[in-house]
Every structure is written in C-alpha cells, then in structure tokens.
Amino acid sequence: MVGGINSPNQPNIPMMNLKEALDIIQLQDNYVIGPSSIHGNGVKATKVIHKGGIINKALYTSNDQPMTTEFGAHLNHSVTPNGITRKIGDCYYTFALKDIEVGDEITVDYTVNKNLEQPNDGWRQ
C-alpha cells in the first residue's frame, strides 16, 4: 500500500494500492520509439532510469482481451535485458533491472513471460 495522509489540518486521504498509484503516474515521457540494432524499431530511454524504477506500462486488459501499449509493442527481446515486465492487477509494467542511461534501448527477456512472442533461433539477442 502507498501511504495515506492523516493530520489535524488535512482530511483523511484513503490509502491506495500499487496498481491505483501506477495508473495515475504519467509514464509517457521517459522513452521514444526509434531504430533498433536488435530488430526494427525499439524503445530508447530519454531519461536516466535507475535500477528498480518503473519504466512504463507494457500490457493491459480491455474487455478481457490483452492489449499492448505502444511502449510494449516496441520492446525487443534480449538474453541480457535491462528491463523486466511484471503483472500488477490486470496490467503489466516494465521495471529497470539495472540503471538505464539516456539513449539505451530498453529490452526484456521474452522467455520470462510466456504470454509474449517467444524467441526462435534466428533472432538476434
């Protein structure tokens, strides 16, 4: 839980869960889509993202159907990723596994999440 605020001068603000907190965070300003040395276009950091930091929302559910965000659609696979995608509620968010510098391509290991397209022998990793 993310803490609530209780003070004599403030009304009681209810606690929110992590998913509610993530839903209100503006996540769209830390990446751009651009040419990738791995495959097609990829996601490049526009800000330093520290280890453990949230990068962006990759997948969500709408009418019980999985939907990919623009960010998630351009995440490329790597066997040495700098990001990992974790499910929180009905969404998948990508977090930094290590510090990511401006201009670094953000990658994930598709084999960690079996809901993603799986790499084959011809993929550059």
C-alpha atoms as a PDB file:
ATOM      1  CA  MET A   1       0.000   0.000   0.000  1.00  0.00           C
ATOM      2  CA  VAL A   2       1.027   3.560  -0.692  1.00  0.00           C
ATOM      3  CA  GLY A   3       0.630   5.589   2.480  1.00  0.00           C
ATOM      4  CA  GLY A   4      -2.305   7.864   3.182  1.00  0.00           C
ATOM      5  CA  ILE A   5      -2.134  11.286   4.778  1.00  0.00           C
ATOM      6  CA  ASN A   6      -3.645  11.888   8.211  1.00  0.00           C
ATOM      7  CA  SER A   7      -3.107  15.178  10.040  1.00  0.00           C
ATOM      8  CA  PRO A   8      -5.259  17.519  12.124  1.00  0.00           C
ATOM      9  CA  ASN A   9      -5.382  20.031   9.247  1.00  0.00           C
ATOM     10  CA  GLN A  10      -5.967  17.567   6.440  1.00  0.00           C
ATOM     11  CA  PRO A  11      -8.900  15.290   5.718  1.00  0.00           C
ATOM     12  CA  ASN A  12      -8.188  11.571   5.813  1.00  0.00           C
ATOM     13  CA  ILE A  13      -6.995  10.627   2.330  1.00  0.00           C
ATOM     14  CA  PRO A  14      -7.571   6.912   1.752  1.00  0.00           C
ATOM     15  CA  MET A  15      -4.680   4.581   1.069  1.00  0.00           C
ATOM     16  CA  MET A  16      -4.350   3.341  -2.498  1.00  0.00           C
ATOM     17  CA  ASN A  17      -2.911   0.129  -3.767  1.00  0.00           C
ATOM     18  CA  LEU A  18       0.137  -0.032  -6.029  1.00  0.00           C
ATOM     19  CA  LYS A  19      -1.903  -0.526  -9.198  1.00  0.00           C
ATOM     20  CA  GLU A  20      -4.019   2.554  -8.465  1.00  0.00           C
ATOM     21  CA  ALA A  21      -0.861   4.561  -7.854  1.00  0.00           C
ATOM     22  CA  LEU A  22       0.732   3.330 -11.105  1.00  0.00           C
ATOM     23  CA  ASP A  23      -2.410   4.189 -13.081  1.00  0.00           C
ATOM     24  CA  ILE A  24      -2.165   7.860 -12.120  1.00  0.00           C
ATOM     25  CA  ILE A  25       1.577   8.249 -12.758  1.00  0.00           C
ATOM     26  CA  GLN A  26       2.440   9.959 -16.027  1.00  0.00           C
ATOM     27  CA  LEU A  27       4.692   7.355 -17.667  1.00  0.00           C
ATOM     28  CA  GLN A  28       4.817   8.520 -21.271  1.00  0.00           C
ATOM     29  CA  ASP A  29       7.762  10.942 -21.034  1.00  0.00           C
ATOM     30  CA  ASN A  30      10.699   8.577 -20.491  1.00  0.00           C
ATOM     31  CA  TYR A  31      11.058   6.878 -23.896  1.00  0.00           C
ATOM     32  CA  VAL A  32      10.961   7.321 -27.660  1.00  0.00           C
ATOM     33  CA  ILE A  33      10.463   4.768 -30.421  1.00  0.00           C
ATOM     34  CA  GLY A  34      13.394   4.593 -32.841  1.00  0.00           C
ATOM     35  CA  PRO A  35      15.567   2.342 -34.990  1.00  0.00           C
ATOM     36  CA  SER A  36      16.939  -0.681 -33.141  1.00  0.00           C
ATOM     37  CA  SER A  37      20.145  -2.629 -33.700  1.00  0.00           C
ATOM     38  CA  ILE A  38      18.215  -5.699 -32.471  1.00  0.00           C
ATOM     39  CA  HIS A  39      15.097  -5.652 -34.675  1.00  0.00           C
ATOM     40  CA  GLY A  40      13.040  -2.999 -36.473  1.00  0.00           C
ATOM     41  CA  ASN A  41      12.170  -0.219 -34.048  1.00  0.00           C
ATOM     42  CA  GLY A  42      12.813  -0.343 -30.334  1.00  0.00           C
ATOM     43  CA  VAL A  43      12.239   1.667 -27.175  1.00  0.00           C
ATOM     44  CA  LYS A  44      15.016   4.125 -26.231  1.00  0.00           C
ATOM     45  CA  ALA A  45      15.274   5.864 -22.860  1.00  0.00           C
ATOM     46  CA  THR A  46      15.015   9.674 -22.901  1.00  0.00           C
ATOM     47  CA  LYS A  47      15.839   9.940 -19.184  1.00  0.00           C
ATOM     48  CA  VAL A  48      18.119   8.070 -16.811  1.00  0.00           C
ATOM     49  CA  ILE A  49      16.070   5.276 -15.227  1.00  0.00           C
ATOM     50  CA  HIS A  50      17.526   3.849 -12.044  1.00  0.00           C
ATOM     51  CA  LYS A  51      17.550   0.166 -11.126  1.00  0.00           C
ATOM     52  CA  GLY A  52      14.144  -0.818  -9.751  1.00  0.00           C
ATOM     53  CA  GLY A  53      12.419   2.189 -11.284  1.00  0.00           C
ATOM     54  CA  ILE A  54       9.209   1.851 -13.238  1.00  0.00           C
ATOM     55  CA  ILE A  55       9.678   2.469 -16.937  1.00  0.00           C
ATOM     56  CA  ASN A  56       6.190   2.219 -18.407  1.00  0.00           C
ATOM     57  CA  LYS A  57       3.021   0.169 -18.865  1.00  0.00           C
ATOM     58  CA  ALA A  58       3.503  -2.562 -21.480  1.00  0.00           C
ATOM     59  CA  LEU A  59       0.211  -4.504 -21.499  1.00  0.00           C
ATOM     60  CA  TYR A  60      -3.279  -4.117 -20.089  1.00  0.00           C
ATOM     61  CA  THR A  61      -6.626  -5.872 -20.302  1.00  0.00           C
ATOM     62  CA  SER A  62      -9.682  -4.416 -22.010  1.00  0.00           C
ATOM     63  CA  ASN A  63     -12.903  -6.419 -22.142  1.00  0.00           C
ATOM     64  CA  ASP A  64     -10.924  -9.490 -21.019  1.00  0.00           C
ATOM     65  CA  GLN A  65      -8.608  -9.132 -24.029  1.00  0.00           C
ATOM     66  CA  PRO A  66      -4.872  -8.407 -23.661  1.00  0.00           C
ATOM     67  CA  MET A  67      -3.892  -5.087 -25.255  1.00  0.00           C
ATOM     68  CA  THR A  68      -0.355  -3.900 -25.920  1.00  0.00           C
ATOM     69  CA  THR A  69       0.642  -0.281 -25.409  1.00  0.00           C
ATOM     70  CA  GLU A  70       2.844   1.485 -27.980  1.00  0.00           C
ATOM     71  CA  PHE A  71       5.694   1.102 -25.496  1.00  0.00           C
ATOM     72  CA  GLY A  72       5.061  -2.643 -25.063  1.00  0.00           C
ATOM     73  CA  ALA A  73       4.703  -3.241 -28.797  1.00  0.00           C
ATOM     74  CA  HIS A  74       8.246  -1.986 -29.384  1.00  0.00           C
ATOM     75  CA  LEU A  75      10.075  -3.764 -26.550  1.00  0.00           C
ATOM     76  CA  ASN A  76      12.701  -6.030 -28.062  1.00  0.00           C
ATOM     77  CA  HIS A  77      13.978  -9.327 -26.650  1.00  0.00           C
ATOM     78  CA  SER A  78      17.427  -9.772 -25.149  1.00  0.00           C
ATOM     79  CA  VAL A  79      19.096 -12.562 -23.200  1.00  0.00           C
ATOM     80  CA  THR A  80      20.805  -9.760 -21.219  1.00  0.00           C
ATOM     81  CA  PRO A  81      17.834  -7.433 -20.674  1.00  0.00           C
ATOM     82  CA  ASN A  82      17.856  -4.178 -18.758  1.00  0.00           C
ATOM     83  CA  GLY A  83      14.128  -4.399 -18.005  1.00  0.00           C
ATOM     84  CA  ILE A  84      11.605  -6.890 -16.689  1.00  0.00           C
ATOM     85  CA  THR A  85       7.832  -6.873 -17.068  1.00  0.00           C
ATOM     86  CA  ARG A  86       5.697  -7.756 -14.056  1.00  0.00           C
ATOM     87  CA  LYS A  87       1.933  -8.110 -13.684  1.00  0.00           C
ATOM     88  CA  ILE A  88       0.194  -5.789 -11.239  1.00  0.00           C
ATOM     89  CA  GLY A  89      -3.587  -6.128 -11.251  1.00  0.00           C
ATOM     90  CA  ASP A  90      -4.655  -6.504 -14.879  1.00  0.00           C
ATOM     91  CA  CYS A  91      -1.639  -4.627 -16.300  1.00  0.00           C
ATOM     92  CA  TYR A  92       1.979  -5.458 -16.996  1.00  0.00           C
ATOM     93  CA  TYR A  93       4.555  -2.793 -16.118  1.00  0.00           C
ATOM     94  CA  THR A  94       8.213  -2.767 -17.097  1.00  0.00           C
ATOM     95  CA  PHE A  95      10.809  -2.069 -14.400  1.00  0.00           C
ATOM     96  CA  ALA A  96      14.556  -1.411 -14.737  1.00  0.00           C
ATOM     97  CA  LEU A  97      16.807  -4.352 -13.822  1.00  0.00           C
ATOM     98  CA  LYS A  98      19.808  -2.013 -13.792  1.00  0.00           C
ATOM     99  CA  ASP A  99      20.493   1.663 -14.371  1.00  0.00           C
ATOM    100  CA  ILE A 100      19.476   2.657 -17.904  1.00  0.00           C
ATOM    101  CA  GLU A 101      21.164   5.657 -19.499  1.00  0.00           C
ATOM    102  CA  VAL A 102      19.668   8.148 -21.956  1.00  0.00           C
ATOM    103  CA  GLY A 103      19.720   6.556 -25.432  1.00  0.00           C
ATOM    104  CA  ASP A 104      19.938   2.955 -24.192  1.00  0.00           C
ATOM    105  CA  GLU A 105      17.457   0.572 -25.789  1.00  0.00           C
ATOM    106  CA  ILE A 106      15.090  -0.897 -23.206  1.00  0.00           C
ATOM    107  CA  THR A 107      14.861  -4.673 -23.584  1.00  0.00           C
ATOM    108  CA  VAL A 108      13.199  -7.576 -21.805  1.00  0.00           C
ATOM    109  CA  ASP A 109      13.715 -11.347 -21.860  1.00  0.00           C
ATOM    110  CA  TYR A 110      10.582 -12.654 -23.577  1.00  0.00           C
ATOM    111  CA  THR A 111      11.108 -16.132 -22.106  1.00  0.00           C
ATOM    112  CA  VAL A 112      10.350 -14.802 -18.602  1.00  0.00           C
ATOM    113  CA  ASN A 113       6.754 -14.053 -19.640  1.00  0.00           C
ATOM    114  CA  LYS A 114       5.252 -16.883 -21.657  1.00  0.00           C
ATOM    115  CA  ASN A 115       2.395 -14.579 -22.802  1.00  0.00           C
ATOM    116  CA  LEU A 116       4.880 -12.823 -25.105  1.00  0.00           C
ATOM    117  CA  GLU A 117       6.055 -13.989 -28.501  1.00  0.00           C
ATOM    118  CA  GLN A 118       8.917 -16.411 -27.846  1.00  0.00           C
ATOM    119  CA  PRO A 119      12.340 -16.044 -29.493  1.00  0.00           C
ATOM    120  CA  ASN A 120      13.476 -18.516 -32.103  1.00  0.00           C
ATOM    121  CA  ASP A 121      16.956 -19.491 -33.304  1.00  0.00           C
ATOM    122  CA  GLY A 122      17.063 -16.755 -35.958  1.00  0.00           C
ATOM    123  CA  TRP A 123      16.561 -13.873 -33.530  1.00  0.00           C
ATOM    124  CA  ARG A 124      19.417 -11.527 -32.733  1.00  0.00           C
ATOM    125  CA  GLN A 125      19.822 -11.392 -28.990  1.00  0.00           C
END
